[in-house]
Amino acid sequence: MATEILINDGGAPARILPFKADGAITGGEVVEFELSGTTGDVRQAAADSVTACGVALTDAADNGIASIITGHGVLLNIYATGAVAYGDLGIVDAAGVLDFTGTAATVAAAGTDVAIALETQASGLGLVKCMWLR
């Protein structure tokens, strides 16, 4: 991957933790715990995930080890879709990417915001510099 996922932990308590992947995961995707089983595996986060636990540092194959970055205030490059403006709050969209299309008030009210954008993106799908909020 050409772009680093972890930019800087900024002195925040960043952790890179190993979990078993439940399905293929791409570095830069938001992941969540797979709570229907008893294994504690992680998978690509579903839309509006309330169990999002971090961001994949690297790609991981199904049943492989996924290195997951977590920690409040960590600066990361995270996959986001669509137009992104500096300061937007992001929620998890389908495919484990961030969606910044909601207003700050609606995203915050839903309680599902996981990151704040620290740069802009005109459109499409790309890695966006963000601060992880969980």
C-alpha atoms as a PDB file:
ATOM      1  CA  MET A   1       0.000   0.000   0.000  1.00  0.00           C
ATOM      2  CA  ALA A   2       1.524   3.291  -1.090  1.00  0.00           C
ATOM      3  CA  THR A   3       0.013   5.430   1.660  1.00  0.00           C
ATOM      4  CA  GLU A   4       0.633   4.738   5.315  1.00  0.00           C
ATOM      5  CA  ILE A   5      -2.510   4.105   7.355  1.00  0.00           C
ATOM      6  CA  LEU A   6      -1.093   5.203  10.728  1.00  0.00           C
ATOM      7  CA  ILE A   7       0.035   8.829  10.401  1.00  0.00           C
ATOM      8  CA  ASN A   8       0.857   9.726  13.993  1.00  0.00           C
ATOM      9  CA  ASP A   9      -0.434   8.648  17.351  1.00  0.00           C
ATOM     10  CA  GLY A  10       0.082  12.227  18.586  1.00  0.00           C
ATOM     11  CA  GLY A  11       0.977  10.917  22.018  1.00  0.00           C
ATOM     12  CA  ALA A  12      -2.465   9.339  22.229  1.00  0.00           C
ATOM     13  CA  PRO A  13      -2.726   5.797  23.537  1.00  0.00           C
ATOM     14  CA  ALA A  14      -2.619   4.134  20.093  1.00  0.00           C
ATOM     15  CA  ARG A  15      -2.644   0.369  20.074  1.00  0.00           C
ATOM     16  CA  ILE A  16      -2.080  -2.051  17.218  1.00  0.00           C
ATOM     17  CA  LEU A  17      -3.803  -5.262  18.207  1.00  0.00           C
ATOM     18  CA  PRO A  18      -3.924  -8.631  16.432  1.00  0.00           C
ATOM     19  CA  PHE A  19      -7.320 -10.222  15.764  1.00  0.00           C
ATOM     20  CA  LYS A  20      -8.462 -13.066  13.540  1.00  0.00           C
ATOM     21  CA  ALA A  21     -10.178 -11.740  10.407  1.00  0.00           C
ATOM     22  CA  ASP A  22     -13.723 -12.900   9.673  1.00  0.00           C
ATOM     23  CA  GLY A  23     -13.524 -12.310   5.916  1.00  0.00           C
ATOM     24  CA  ALA A  24     -11.011 -10.369   3.850  1.00  0.00           C
ATOM     25  CA  ILE A  25     -10.104  -6.910   5.176  1.00  0.00           C
ATOM     26  CA  THR A  26      -8.302  -4.100   3.349  1.00  0.00           C
ATOM     27  CA  GLY A  27      -5.866  -1.783   5.114  1.00  0.00           C
ATOM     28  CA  GLY A  28      -7.608   1.528   5.823  1.00  0.00           C
ATOM     29  CA  GLU A  29     -11.075   0.027   6.274  1.00  0.00           C
ATOM     30  CA  VAL A  30     -13.041   0.454   9.479  1.00  0.00           C
ATOM     31  CA  VAL A  31     -13.566  -2.853  11.281  1.00  0.00           C
ATOM     32  CA  GLU A  32     -15.972  -4.087  13.931  1.00  0.00           C
ATOM     33  CA  PHE A  33     -16.152  -7.052  16.251  1.00  0.00           C
ATOM     34  CA  GLU A  34     -18.116 -10.024  14.939  1.00  0.00           C
ATOM     35  CA  LEU A  35     -20.477 -10.351  17.892  1.00  0.00           C
ATOM     36  CA  SER A  36     -22.716 -13.200  16.727  1.00  0.00           C
ATOM     37  CA  GLY A  37     -20.039 -15.815  17.407  1.00  0.00           C
ATOM     38  CA  THR A  38     -17.831 -16.583  20.358  1.00  0.00           C
ATOM     39  CA  THR A  39     -14.417 -16.001  18.782  1.00  0.00           C
ATOM     40  CA  GLY A  40     -13.849 -12.238  19.060  1.00  0.00           C
ATOM     41  CA  ASP A  41     -12.988 -11.988  15.369  1.00  0.00           C
ATOM     42  CA  VAL A  42     -13.077  -8.690  13.488  1.00  0.00           C
ATOM     43  CA  ARG A  43     -14.673  -8.019  10.118  1.00  0.00           C
ATOM     44  CA  GLN A  44     -15.198  -5.152   7.725  1.00  0.00           C
ATOM     45  CA  ALA A  45     -17.629  -2.820   9.488  1.00  0.00           C
ATOM     46  CA  ALA A  46     -21.221  -2.707   8.334  1.00  0.00           C
ATOM     47  CA  ALA A  47     -23.150   0.483   7.612  1.00  0.00           C
ATOM     48  CA  ASP A  48     -23.819   2.611  10.726  1.00  0.00           C
ATOM     49  CA  SER A  49     -21.780   0.229  12.859  1.00  0.00           C
ATOM     50  CA  VAL A  50     -22.038   0.913  16.564  1.00  0.00           C
ATOM     51  CA  THR A  51     -19.379  -1.707  17.301  1.00  0.00           C
ATOM     52  CA  ALA A  52     -16.641  -0.189  15.123  1.00  0.00           C
ATOM     53  CA  CYS A  53     -13.431  -0.840  17.045  1.00  0.00           C
ATOM     54  CA  GLY A  54     -10.634   0.437  14.832  1.00  0.00           C
ATOM     55  CA  VAL A  55      -9.001   0.620  11.421  1.00  0.00           C
ATOM     56  CA  ALA A  56      -7.090  -2.129   9.632  1.00  0.00           C
ATOM     57  CA  LEU A  57      -3.378  -1.310   9.414  1.00  0.00           C
ATOM     58  CA  THR A  58      -2.742  -3.768   6.578  1.00  0.00           C
ATOM     59  CA  ASP A  59      -4.688  -6.145   4.354  1.00  0.00           C
ATOM     60  CA  ALA A  60      -5.741  -9.430   5.965  1.00  0.00           C
ATOM     61  CA  ALA A  61      -7.085 -12.615   4.395  1.00  0.00           C
ATOM     62  CA  ASP A  62     -10.112 -14.490   5.726  1.00  0.00           C
ATOM     63  CA  ASN A  63      -9.048 -16.305   8.927  1.00  0.00           C
ATOM     64  CA  GLY A  64      -5.684 -14.492   8.843  1.00  0.00           C
ATOM     65  CA  ILE A  65      -4.321 -12.122  11.437  1.00  0.00           C
ATOM     66  CA  ALA A  66      -5.596  -8.555  11.097  1.00  0.00           C
ATOM     67  CA  SER A  67      -3.552  -5.779  12.713  1.00  0.00           C
ATOM     68  CA  ILE A  68      -6.099  -3.248  14.004  1.00  0.00           C
ATOM     69  CA  ILE A  69      -5.256   0.300  15.103  1.00  0.00           C
ATOM     70  CA  THR A  70      -7.366   1.695  17.888  1.00  0.00           C
ATOM     71  CA  GLY A  71      -7.085   4.562  20.352  1.00  0.00           C
ATOM     72  CA  HIS A  72      -8.901   7.855  20.794  1.00  0.00           C
ATOM     73  CA  GLY A  73      -7.209  10.750  18.992  1.00  0.00           C
ATOM     74  CA  VAL A  74      -5.008   8.710  16.658  1.00  0.00           C
ATOM     75  CA  LEU A  75      -4.374  10.225  13.197  1.00  0.00           C
ATOM     76  CA  LEU A  76      -5.081   7.778  10.382  1.00  0.00           C
ATOM     77  CA  ASN A  77      -5.670   7.572   6.656  1.00  0.00           C
ATOM     78  CA  ILE A  78      -9.108   5.935   6.414  1.00  0.00           C
ATOM     79  CA  TYR A  79     -11.065   5.014   3.301  1.00  0.00           C
ATOM     80  CA  ALA A  80     -13.897   7.486   2.719  1.00  0.00           C
ATOM     81  CA  THR A  81     -16.429   7.871  -0.057  1.00  0.00           C
ATOM     82  CA  GLY A  82     -17.853  10.975  -1.704  1.00  0.00           C
ATOM     83  CA  ALA A  83     -17.153  14.615  -0.973  1.00  0.00           C
ATOM     84  CA  VAL A  84     -15.375  15.287   2.316  1.00  0.00           C
ATOM     85  CA  ALA A  85     -14.778  18.675   3.934  1.00  0.00           C
ATOM     86  CA  TYR A  86     -12.331  19.493   6.715  1.00  0.00           C
ATOM     87  CA  GLY A  87     -14.040  19.036  10.087  1.00  0.00           C
ATOM     88  CA  ASP A  88     -16.808  16.709   8.856  1.00  0.00           C
ATOM     89  CA  LEU A  89     -17.812  13.874  11.155  1.00  0.00           C
ATOM     90  CA  GLY A  90     -17.719  10.432   9.571  1.00  0.00           C
ATOM     91  CA  ILE A  91     -19.938   7.434  10.142  1.00  0.00           C
ATOM     92  CA  VAL A  92     -19.376   3.944   8.793  1.00  0.00           C
ATOM     93  CA  ASP A  93     -20.914   3.285   5.386  1.00  0.00           C
ATOM     94  CA  ALA A  94     -21.247  -0.066   3.641  1.00  0.00           C
ATOM     95  CA  ALA A  95     -17.920  -1.715   2.776  1.00  0.00           C
ATOM     96  CA  GLY A  96     -16.145  -0.438   5.898  1.00  0.00           C
ATOM     97  CA  VAL A  97     -15.555   3.080   4.562  1.00  0.00           C
ATOM     98  CA  LEU A  98     -16.436   6.446   6.070  1.00  0.00           C
ATOM     99  CA  ASP A  99     -19.422   8.491   4.940  1.00  0.00           C
ATOM    100  CA  PHE A 100     -19.226  12.225   5.640  1.00  0.00           C
ATOM    101  CA  THR A 101     -22.518  13.191   3.958  1.00  0.00           C
ATOM    102  CA  GLY A 102     -24.604  13.668   7.107  1.00  0.00           C
ATOM    103  CA  THR A 103     -24.667  16.985   8.916  1.00  0.00           C
ATOM    104  CA  ALA A 104     -22.677  17.258  12.138  1.00  0.00           C
ATOM    105  CA  ALA A 105     -25.918  17.476  14.134  1.00  0.00           C
ATOM    106  CA  THR A 106     -27.492  14.339  12.644  1.00  0.00           C
ATOM    107  CA  VAL A 107     -24.286  12.316  12.865  1.00  0.00           C
ATOM    108  CA  ALA A 108     -23.635  13.326  16.476  1.00  0.00           C
ATOM    109  CA  ALA A 109     -27.266  12.671  17.438  1.00  0.00           C
ATOM    110  CA  ALA A 110     -27.053   9.167  16.013  1.00  0.00           C
ATOM    111  CA  GLY A 111     -24.021   8.496  18.215  1.00  0.00           C
ATOM    112  CA  THR A 112     -22.250   6.611  15.464  1.00  0.00           C
ATOM    113  CA  ASP A 113     -19.510   9.065  14.485  1.00  0.00           C
ATOM    114  CA  VAL A 114     -16.121   7.376  14.472  1.00  0.00           C
ATOM    115  CA  ALA A 115     -13.786   9.960  12.888  1.00  0.00           C
ATOM    116  CA  ILE A 116     -13.356  13.615  12.007  1.00  0.00           C
ATOM    117  CA  ALA A 117     -11.907  14.628   8.643  1.00  0.00           C
ATOM    118  CA  LEU A 118      -8.641  16.576   8.682  1.00  0.00           C
ATOM    119  CA  GLU A 119      -8.508  17.174   4.927  1.00  0.00           C
ATOM    120  CA  THR A 120     -10.834  17.435   1.964  1.00  0.00           C
ATOM    121  CA  GLN A 121     -11.737  15.032  -0.819  1.00  0.00           C
ATOM    122  CA  ALA A 122     -13.703  16.177  -3.873  1.00  0.00           C
ATOM    123  CA  SER A 123     -15.414  12.877  -4.696  1.00  0.00           C
ATOM    124  CA  GLY A 124     -14.879   9.175  -5.235  1.00  0.00           C
ATOM    125  CA  LEU A 125     -13.262   6.668  -2.893  1.00  0.00           C
ATOM    126  CA  GLY A 126      -9.912   7.417  -1.313  1.00  0.00           C
ATOM    127  CA  LEU A 127      -7.831   7.511   1.828  1.00  0.00           C
ATOM    128  CA  VAL A 128      -8.614  10.628   3.867  1.00  0.00           C
ATOM    129  CA  LYS A 129      -6.588  11.926   6.810  1.00  0.00           C
ATOM    130  CA  CYS A 130      -8.811  11.643   9.896  1.00  0.00           C
ATOM    131  CA  MET A 131      -8.711  11.638  13.679  1.00  0.00           C
ATOM    132  CA  TRP A 132     -10.168   8.439  15.136  1.00  0.00           C
ATOM    133  CA  LEU A 133     -12.727   9.282  17.845  1.00  0.00           C
ATOM    134  CA  ARG A 134     -13.230   5.944  19.581  1.00  0.00           C
END
